[in-house]
Protein backbone atom coordinates (compact mmCIF):
# COMPACT_ATOMS: atom_id res chain seq x y z
CA MET A 1 -64.00 116.41 94.50
CA GLY A 2 -63.60 112.94 93.09
CA VAL A 3 -61.02 110.27 93.71
CA GLY A 4 -58.86 111.61 90.86
CA GLY A 5 -58.74 115.05 92.43
CA LEU A 6 -57.83 113.61 95.80
CA ALA A 7 -55.12 111.46 94.21
CA SER A 8 -53.71 114.55 92.47
CA ILE A 9 -53.56 116.45 95.75
CA VAL A 10 -51.84 113.56 97.54
CA PHE A 11 -49.40 113.13 94.64
CA GLY A 12 -48.64 116.87 94.74
CA LEU A 13 -47.96 116.72 98.47
CA ILE A 14 -45.59 113.77 97.97
CA VAL A 15 -43.74 115.64 95.21
CA ASP A 16 -43.44 118.72 97.43
CA ALA A 17 -42.15 116.58 100.30
CA PHE A 18 -39.37 115.28 98.04
CA GLY A 19 -38.48 118.79 96.90
CA GLY A 20 -39.84 118.54 93.35
CA ALA A 21 -39.38 114.86 92.66
CA SER A 22 -39.21 113.45 89.16
CA PHE A 23 -41.12 110.25 88.50
CA ASN A 24 -40.00 109.74 84.91
CA ALA A 25 -36.71 107.97 84.33
CA ILE A 26 -36.23 109.56 80.92
CA GLY A 27 -36.79 112.97 82.52
CA THR A 28 -34.03 112.26 85.02
CA ILE A 29 -31.60 111.36 82.24
CA ALA A 30 -32.59 114.30 80.04
CA PHE A 31 -32.23 116.85 82.85
CA SER A 32 -28.88 115.29 83.78
CA ILE A 33 -27.57 115.63 80.23
CA ALA A 34 -28.94 119.17 79.97
CA GLY A 35 -27.01 120.05 83.14
CA ALA A 36 -30.10 121.17 85.03
CA GLY A 37 -29.19 119.37 88.26
CA GLY A 38 -25.97 120.99 89.41
CA ASP A 39 -22.59 119.44 90.21
CA ASP A 40 -23.88 116.39 92.10
CA ASP A 41 -26.26 115.44 89.29
CA THR A 42 -24.24 112.38 88.22
CA LEU A 43 -24.66 110.73 91.60
CA THR A 44 -28.30 111.74 91.74
CA THR A 45 -28.95 110.19 88.33
CA ALA A 46 -27.02 107.05 89.25
CA VAL A 47 -29.26 106.56 92.28
CA ARG A 48 -32.58 107.85 90.95
CA PHE A 49 -32.65 105.93 87.67
CA PRO A 50 -32.42 102.42 89.20
CA ALA A 51 -34.77 103.45 92.03
CA GLN A 52 -37.39 104.64 89.54
CA ALA A 53 -37.06 101.47 87.46
CA ILE A 54 -37.40 99.24 90.54
CA SER A 55 -40.36 101.26 91.83
CA ALA A 56 -42.17 101.09 88.49
CA THR A 57 -41.65 97.33 88.32
CA GLY A 58 -42.88 96.93 91.89
CA GLY A 59 -45.95 99.03 91.16
CA VAL A 60 -46.92 96.92 88.16
CA MET A 61 -46.30 93.68 90.04
CA SER A 62 -48.44 94.84 92.97
CA LEU A 63 -51.19 95.95 90.59
CA LEU A 64 -51.21 92.52 88.97
CA GLU A 65 -51.29 90.76 92.34
CA LEU A 66 -53.95 92.94 94.00
CA THR A 67 -56.41 93.14 91.11
CA PRO A 68 -59.47 90.96 91.78
CA LEU A 69 -59.89 87.95 89.48
CA LYS A 70 -63.06 89.28 87.88
CA TYR A 71 -61.16 92.37 86.63
CA LYS A 72 -57.95 90.67 85.43
CA HIS A 73 -59.24 90.54 81.86
CA LEU A 74 -59.30 94.37 81.84
CA LEU A 75 -55.53 94.56 82.33
CA GLU A 76 -54.77 93.61 78.75
CA GLY A 77 -52.72 96.36 77.21
CA PRO A 78 -51.73 97.34 73.71
CA THR A 79 -49.61 94.95 71.68
CA LEU A 80 -46.65 95.69 69.47
CA LYS A 81 -46.87 95.14 65.74
CA VAL A 82 -43.07 94.96 65.53
CA ASP A 83 -40.52 92.91 67.44
CA LEU A 84 -39.83 93.85 71.06
CA HIS A 85 -36.36 95.33 70.47
CA THR A 86 -37.56 97.65 67.69
CA GLY A 87 -40.49 98.82 69.82
CA ALA A 88 -38.29 99.44 72.87
CA ILE A 89 -35.71 101.37 70.85
CA ALA A 90 -38.38 103.48 69.15
CA GLU A 91 -40.09 104.22 72.48
CA GLY A 92 -36.82 105.10 74.19
CA VAL A 93 -35.55 107.34 71.39
CA LEU A 94 -38.83 109.20 70.95
CA THR A 95 -39.38 109.70 74.67
CA PHE A 96 -35.80 110.85 75.16
CA VAL A 97 -35.93 113.31 72.24
CA ILE A 98 -39.25 114.80 73.35
CA THR A 99 -38.13 115.13 76.98
CA PHE A 100 -34.70 116.46 75.99
CA VAL A 101 -36.22 119.14 73.74
CA VAL A 102 -38.67 120.22 76.45
CA SER A 103 -36.03 120.25 79.21
CA SER A 104 -33.52 122.06 76.99
CA SER A 105 -36.05 124.74 76.17
CA ARG A 106 -36.80 125.16 79.90
CA VAL A 107 -33.08 125.46 80.70
CA LEU A 108 -32.56 127.99 77.89
CA THR A 109 -35.59 129.97 79.05
CA ALA A 110 -34.32 130.00 82.64
CA CYS A 111 -30.86 131.16 81.55
CA SER A 112 -32.10 134.10 79.50
């Protein structure tokens, strides 16, 4: 078993410890809108969404700080060919629609 397999097992154990945690902010919003979280879902979303955003930011910042200098050039990512606002809106809308469709189909399947 490689490092990826071990990381998957550890990640699965963490998810199980949190009772089926969601690590995608758009997923949290989509499941909230679809009503898949119960009556206390509004509070859960209000707490989880900022926590996920802060955690993601912290993860990226720690990655940038802990990467050795000789590998920093490998951290270059893709660049946008449109302005930042258009790219962010397109990414948000597409991710939300895809997640909402998938979560809605899961809710409908569970109800039938």
